[in-house]
Amino acid sequence: MHGEAPNAAPRPREYRDGRLIEWFGKWRKPIRSWLRNRASVPPGDIDDLAQEVFLRLLRYSDDVAVDNPQGYLFRIAANVANEWRERSRVRKPHDDSWLEELQIEAGEEPENTFARTRANEYVQAAVDRLPPRQREVLLLHVNEGLTYKQIAQLRGLTYRIVLRDLTRAYSTLRMQLRLEDL
């Protein structure tokens, strides 16, 4: 896979950096794909593990001539994935029974209920002040979960009009609703 170059003088840092940059550009996506598909790494950890592969490459000697960069990097990736898997296996999950003790029912905290009711009233009043079409488009989007395209078809509007009305509605609401009012 790799071997030391016979009687070679240490290579300059530029060589190492250039090699790393080249390999990162060429092999980052394939390594991420391999980690996702073959090593079964969860999506949230893929970038971290891919970065670890290249960090380990920085730790190796510059004097090492690599005949097969792809195999070399994928071997490092396999080692990183195996170590990650081992750490995940021995990691003890937290006992979440104490979380239940911390949870308080909403009905037990009247100030939260009052604050939520007051915030809802402020928002509803601000929505009621919107022009009718903006209000209708906003409610269809937020309450019904319709896409811009669906709203346009339902109301006989163009996509751009729906986009403009929603943009203006959200802008107006941001200006009317200050955080301290909620």
C-alpha atoms as a PDB file:
ATOM      1  CA  MET A   1       0.000   0.000   0.000  1.00  0.00           C
ATOM      2  CA  HIS A   2       2.752   2.444   0.900  1.00  0.00           C
ATOM      3  CA  GLY A   3       6.414   2.456   1.608  1.00  0.00           C
ATOM      4  CA  GLU A   4       9.209   4.796   2.384  1.00  0.00           C
ATOM      5  CA  ALA A   5      11.164   6.255  -0.447  1.00  0.00           C
ATOM      6  CA  PRO A   6      14.767   4.953  -0.255  1.00  0.00           C
ATOM      7  CA  ASN A   7      17.296   7.537   0.852  1.00  0.00           C
ATOM      8  CA  ALA A   8      14.848  10.379   0.328  1.00  0.00           C
ATOM      9  CA  ALA A   9      15.327  13.673   2.078  1.00  0.00           C
ATOM     10  CA  PRO A  10      12.364  14.965   4.067  1.00  0.00           C
ATOM     11  CA  ARG A  11       9.863  16.626   1.792  1.00  0.00           C
ATOM     12  CA  PRO A  12       8.984  20.278   2.272  1.00  0.00           C
ATOM     13  CA  ARG A  13       5.777  21.281   4.012  1.00  0.00           C
ATOM     14  CA  GLU A  14       4.366  22.613   0.735  1.00  0.00           C
ATOM     15  CA  TYR A  15       4.466  19.074  -0.655  1.00  0.00           C
ATOM     16  CA  ARG A  16       2.484  17.714   2.292  1.00  0.00           C
ATOM     17  CA  ASP A  17      -0.028  20.559   2.188  1.00  0.00           C
ATOM     18  CA  GLY A  18      -0.439  20.246  -1.572  1.00  0.00           C
ATOM     19  CA  ARG A  19      -0.931  16.497  -1.297  1.00  0.00           C
ATOM     20  CA  LEU A  20      -3.477  16.955   1.488  1.00  0.00           C
ATOM     21  CA  ILE A  21      -5.415  19.609  -0.432  1.00  0.00           C
ATOM     22  CA  GLU A  22      -5.416  17.499  -3.581  1.00  0.00           C
ATOM     23  CA  TRP A  23      -6.540  14.349  -1.768  1.00  0.00           C
ATOM     24  CA  PHE A  24      -9.170  16.235   0.218  1.00  0.00           C
ATOM     25  CA  GLY A  25     -10.697  17.656  -2.956  1.00  0.00           C
ATOM     26  CA  LYS A  26     -10.566  14.336  -4.760  1.00  0.00           C
ATOM     27  CA  TRP A  27     -11.504  11.874  -1.998  1.00  0.00           C
ATOM     28  CA  ARG A  28     -13.684  13.771   0.513  1.00  0.00           C
ATOM     29  CA  LYS A  29     -17.003  12.960  -1.186  1.00  0.00           C
ATOM     30  CA  PRO A  30     -16.157   9.288  -1.830  1.00  0.00           C
ATOM     31  CA  ILE A  31     -15.065   8.874   1.791  1.00  0.00           C
ATOM     32  CA  ARG A  32     -18.267  10.521   3.051  1.00  0.00           C
ATOM     33  CA  SER A  33     -20.283   8.223   0.786  1.00  0.00           C
ATOM     34  CA  TRP A  34     -18.379   5.169   1.978  1.00  0.00           C
ATOM     35  CA  LEU A  35     -18.882   6.125   5.632  1.00  0.00           C
ATOM     36  CA  ARG A  36     -22.599   6.580   5.032  1.00  0.00           C
ATOM     37  CA  ASN A  37     -23.207   3.441   2.984  1.00  0.00           C
ATOM     38  CA  ARG A  38     -20.620   0.839   3.971  1.00  0.00           C
ATOM     39  CA  ALA A  39     -19.682   1.874   7.497  1.00  0.00           C
ATOM     40  CA  SER A  40     -23.299   2.722   8.445  1.00  0.00           C
ATOM     41  CA  VAL A  41     -22.363   5.985  10.113  1.00  0.00           C
ATOM     42  CA  PRO A  42     -25.335   8.199  11.054  1.00  0.00           C
ATOM     43  CA  PRO A  43     -25.642  11.366   8.946  1.00  0.00           C
ATOM     44  CA  GLY A  44     -24.819  13.631  11.893  1.00  0.00           C
ATOM     45  CA  ASP A  45     -21.395  12.016  12.361  1.00  0.00           C
ATOM     46  CA  ILE A  46     -20.277  11.638   8.740  1.00  0.00           C
ATOM     47  CA  ASP A  47     -18.575  15.030   8.378  1.00  0.00           C
ATOM     48  CA  ASP A  48     -16.785  14.613  11.725  1.00  0.00           C
ATOM     49  CA  LEU A  49     -15.443  11.198  10.785  1.00  0.00           C
ATOM     50  CA  ALA A  50     -14.434  12.331   7.287  1.00  0.00           C
ATOM     51  CA  GLN A  51     -12.566  15.242   8.844  1.00  0.00           C
ATOM     52  CA  GLU A  52     -10.842  12.829  11.235  1.00  0.00           C
ATOM     53  CA  VAL A  53      -9.576  10.808   8.245  1.00  0.00           C
ATOM     54  CA  PHE A  54      -7.766  13.859   6.872  1.00  0.00           C
ATOM     55  CA  LEU A  55      -6.547  14.960  10.297  1.00  0.00           C
ATOM     56  CA  ARG A  56      -4.908  11.567  10.729  1.00  0.00           C
ATOM     57  CA  LEU A  57      -3.313  11.963   7.336  1.00  0.00           C
ATOM     58  CA  LEU A  58      -1.640  15.135   8.649  1.00  0.00           C
ATOM     59  CA  ARG A  59      -0.096  13.129  11.500  1.00  0.00           C
ATOM     60  CA  TYR A  60       1.731  10.727   9.193  1.00  0.00           C
ATOM     61  CA  SER A  61       5.249  11.357   8.018  1.00  0.00           C
ATOM     62  CA  ASP A  62       5.825  13.401   4.899  1.00  0.00           C
ATOM     63  CA  ASP A  63       8.507  10.925   3.897  1.00  0.00           C
ATOM     64  CA  VAL A  64       5.987   8.171   3.228  1.00  0.00           C
ATOM     65  CA  ALA A  65       5.364   7.615  -0.462  1.00  0.00           C
ATOM     66  CA  VAL A  66       1.843   6.409  -1.037  1.00  0.00           C
ATOM     67  CA  ASP A  67       1.408   4.226  -4.090  1.00  0.00           C
ATOM     68  CA  ASN A  68      -2.372   3.885  -3.763  1.00  0.00           C
ATOM     69  CA  PRO A  69      -3.881   7.045  -2.202  1.00  0.00           C
ATOM     70  CA  GLN A  70      -7.427   5.745  -2.502  1.00  0.00           C
ATOM     71  CA  GLY A  71      -6.665   2.526  -0.654  1.00  0.00           C
ATOM     72  CA  TYR A  72      -4.594   4.392   1.913  1.00  0.00           C
ATOM     73  CA  LEU A  73      -7.367   6.891   2.699  1.00  0.00           C
ATOM     74  CA  PHE A  74     -10.084   4.248   2.763  1.00  0.00           C
ATOM     75  CA  ARG A  75      -7.985   2.152   5.173  1.00  0.00           C
ATOM     76  CA  ILE A  76      -7.739   5.205   7.429  1.00  0.00           C
ATOM     77  CA  ALA A  77     -11.506   5.715   7.028  1.00  0.00           C
ATOM     78  CA  ALA A  78     -12.142   2.079   7.990  1.00  0.00           C
ATOM     79  CA  ASN A  79      -9.980   2.498  11.095  1.00  0.00           C
ATOM     80  CA  VAL A  80     -11.766   5.723  12.035  1.00  0.00           C
ATOM     81  CA  ALA A  81     -15.184   4.097  11.532  1.00  0.00           C
ATOM     82  CA  ASN A  82     -14.183   1.031  13.572  1.00  0.00           C
ATOM     83  CA  GLU A  83     -12.929   3.197  16.434  1.00  0.00           C
ATOM     84  CA  TRP A  84     -16.098   5.298  16.298  1.00  0.00           C
ATOM     85  CA  ARG A  85     -18.247   2.141  16.357  1.00  0.00           C
ATOM     86  CA  GLU A  86     -16.302   0.767  19.329  1.00  0.00           C
ATOM     87  CA  ARG A  87     -16.650   4.028  21.259  1.00  0.00           C
ATOM     88  CA  SER A  88     -20.381   4.075  20.483  1.00  0.00           C
ATOM     89  CA  ARG A  89     -20.767   0.505  21.681  1.00  0.00           C
ATOM     90  CA  VAL A  90     -19.124   1.049  25.052  1.00  0.00           C
ATOM     91  CA  ARG A  91     -20.606   4.477  25.629  1.00  0.00           C
ATOM     92  CA  LYS A  92     -23.242   4.214  28.305  1.00  0.00           C
ATOM     93  CA  PRO A  93     -26.501   6.002  27.616  1.00  0.00           C
ATOM     94  CA  HIS A  94     -27.674   8.471  30.207  1.00  0.00           C
ATOM     95  CA  ASP A  95     -30.390   7.407  32.547  1.00  0.00           C
ATOM     96  CA  ASP A  96     -33.249   9.721  31.622  1.00  0.00           C
ATOM     97  CA  SER A  97     -35.490   8.834  34.551  1.00  0.00           C
ATOM     98  CA  TRP A  98     -34.435  12.075  36.262  1.00  0.00           C
ATOM     99  CA  LEU A  99     -35.865  14.044  33.330  1.00  0.00           C
ATOM    100  CA  GLU A 100     -39.365  13.003  34.330  1.00  0.00           C
ATOM    101  CA  GLU A 101     -38.858  14.619  37.735  1.00  0.00           C
ATOM    102  CA  LEU A 102     -37.917  17.916  36.083  1.00  0.00           C
ATOM    103  CA  GLN A 103     -40.931  18.049  33.819  1.00  0.00           C
ATOM    104  CA  ILE A 104     -43.791  20.151  35.081  1.00  0.00           C
ATOM    105  CA  GLU A 105     -47.244  20.001  33.625  1.00  0.00           C
ATOM    106  CA  ALA A 106     -48.283  23.213  31.872  1.00  0.00           C
ATOM    107  CA  GLY A 107     -51.351  23.407  34.094  1.00  0.00           C
ATOM    108  CA  GLU A 108     -49.135  23.550  37.170  1.00  0.00           C
ATOM    109  CA  GLU A 109     -47.489  26.785  36.035  1.00  0.00           C
ATOM    110  CA  PRO A 110     -50.164  29.441  35.564  1.00  0.00           C
ATOM    111  CA  GLU A 111     -47.654  32.121  34.565  1.00  0.00           C
ATOM    112  CA  ASN A 112     -46.624  30.008  31.539  1.00  0.00           C
ATOM    113  CA  THR A 113     -50.234  29.519  30.512  1.00  0.00           C
ATOM    114  CA  PHE A 114     -50.897  33.237  30.915  1.00  0.00           C
ATOM    115  CA  ALA A 115     -47.781  34.211  28.956  1.00  0.00           C
ATOM    116  CA  ARG A 116     -48.644  31.762  26.164  1.00  0.00           C
ATOM    117  CA  THR A 117     -52.227  33.044  25.981  1.00  0.00           C
ATOM    118  CA  ARG A 118     -51.020  36.652  25.904  1.00  0.00           C
ATOM    119  CA  ALA A 119     -48.478  35.890  23.156  1.00  0.00           C
ATOM    120  CA  ASN A 120     -51.138  34.112  21.091  1.00  0.00           C
ATOM    121  CA  GLU A 121     -53.432  37.139  21.422  1.00  0.00           C
ATOM    122  CA  TYR A 122     -50.655  39.487  20.228  1.00  0.00           C
ATOM    123  CA  VAL A 123     -49.913  37.279  17.240  1.00  0.00           C
ATOM    124  CA  GLN A 124     -53.598  36.865  16.365  1.00  0.00           C
ATOM    125  CA  ALA A 125     -54.165  40.632  16.576  1.00  0.00           C
ATOM    126  CA  ALA A 126     -51.178  41.260  14.287  1.00  0.00           C
ATOM    127  CA  VAL A 127     -52.415  38.633  11.800  1.00  0.00           C
ATOM    128  CA  ASP A 128     -55.904  40.189  11.869  1.00  0.00           C
ATOM    129  CA  ARG A 129     -54.386  43.560  10.867  1.00  0.00           C
ATOM    130  CA  LEU A 130     -52.830  42.110   7.686  1.00  0.00           C
ATOM    131  CA  PRO A 131     -54.492  42.858   4.348  1.00  0.00           C
ATOM    132  CA  PRO A 132     -57.112  40.158   3.567  1.00  0.00           C
ATOM    133  CA  ARG A 133     -55.215  38.326   0.813  1.00  0.00           C
ATOM    134  CA  GLN A 134     -51.939  38.318   2.765  1.00  0.00           C
ATOM    135  CA  ARG A 135     -53.780  37.003   5.829  1.00  0.00           C
ATOM    136  CA  GLU A 136     -55.513  34.285   3.794  1.00  0.00           C
ATOM    137  CA  VAL A 137     -52.291  33.161   2.078  1.00  0.00           C
ATOM    138  CA  LEU A 138     -50.419  33.165   5.401  1.00  0.00           C
ATOM    139  CA  LEU A 139     -53.095  31.100   7.163  1.00  0.00           C
ATOM    140  CA  LEU A 140     -53.239  28.588   4.316  1.00  0.00           C
ATOM    141  CA  HIS A 141     -49.478  28.206   4.484  1.00  0.00           C
ATOM    142  CA  VAL A 142     -49.109  28.065   8.275  1.00  0.00           C
ATOM    143  CA  ASN A 143     -52.324  26.388   9.423  1.00  0.00           C
ATOM    144  CA  GLU A 144     -53.037  24.113   6.464  1.00  0.00           C
ATOM    145  CA  GLY A 145     -49.410  23.416   5.537  1.00  0.00           C
ATOM    146  CA  LEU A 146     -49.988  24.184   1.861  1.00  0.00           C
ATOM    147  CA  THR A 147     -47.036  24.948  -0.384  1.00  0.00           C
ATOM    148  CA  TYR A 148     -46.795  28.189  -2.326  1.00  0.00           C
ATOM    149  CA  LYS A 149     -47.710  26.342  -5.501  1.00  0.00           C
ATOM    150  CA  GLN A 150     -50.758  24.707  -3.878  1.00  0.00           C
ATOM    151  CA  ILE A 151     -51.960  28.058  -2.535  1.00  0.00           C
ATOM    152  CA  ALA A 152     -51.529  29.635  -5.973  1.00  0.00           C
ATOM    153  CA  GLN A 153     -53.604  26.888  -7.604  1.00  0.00           C
ATOM    154  CA  LEU A 154     -56.259  26.951  -4.871  1.00  0.00           C
ATOM    155  CA  ARG A 155     -56.758  30.727  -4.994  1.00  0.00           C
ATOM    156  CA  GLY A 156     -56.125  31.278  -8.706  1.00  0.00           C
ATOM    157  CA  LEU A 157     -52.978  33.318  -8.096  1.00  0.00           C
ATOM    158  CA  THR A 158     -49.521  33.115  -9.566  1.00  0.00           C
ATOM    159  CA  TYR A 159     -46.671  31.605  -7.610  1.00  0.00           C
ATOM    160  CA  ARG A 160     -44.923  34.999  -7.527  1.00  0.00           C
ATOM    161  CA  ILE A 161     -47.972  36.716  -6.017  1.00  0.00           C
ATOM    162  CA  VAL A 162     -48.158  34.091  -3.277  1.00  0.00           C
ATOM    163  CA  LEU A 163     -44.431  34.484  -2.638  1.00  0.00           C
ATOM    164  CA  ARG A 164     -44.754  38.272  -2.504  1.00  0.00           C
ATOM    165  CA  ASP A 165     -47.809  38.180  -0.211  1.00  0.00           C
ATOM    166  CA  LEU A 166     -46.146  35.767   2.212  1.00  0.00           C
ATOM    167  CA  THR A 167     -42.929  37.779   2.220  1.00  0.00           C
ATOM    168  CA  ARG A 168     -44.828  40.961   2.984  1.00  0.00           C
ATOM    169  CA  ALA A 169     -46.984  39.244   5.619  1.00  0.00           C
ATOM    170  CA  TYR A 170     -43.948  37.869   7.451  1.00  0.00           C
ATOM    171  CA  SER A 171     -42.157  41.205   7.191  1.00  0.00           C
ATOM    172  CA  THR A 172     -45.161  43.074   8.576  1.00  0.00           C
ATOM    173  CA  LEU A 173     -45.527  40.595  11.431  1.00  0.00           C
ATOM    174  CA  ARG A 174     -41.834  40.873  12.322  1.00  0.00           C
ATOM    175  CA  MET A 175     -42.135  44.633  12.481  1.00  0.00           C
ATOM    176  CA  GLN A 176     -45.371  44.576  14.514  1.00  0.00           C
ATOM    177  CA  LEU A 177     -44.386  41.839  16.927  1.00  0.00           C
ATOM    178  CA  ARG A 178     -41.495  42.798  19.081  1.00  0.00           C
ATOM    179  CA  LEU A 179     -39.938  40.080  21.239  1.00  0.00           C
ATOM    180  CA  GLU A 180     -40.734  41.938  24.465  1.00  0.00           C
ATOM    181  CA  ASP A 181     -44.444  41.952  23.519  1.00  0.00           C
ATOM    182  CA  LEU A 182     -44.441  38.169  23.463  1.00  0.00           C
END
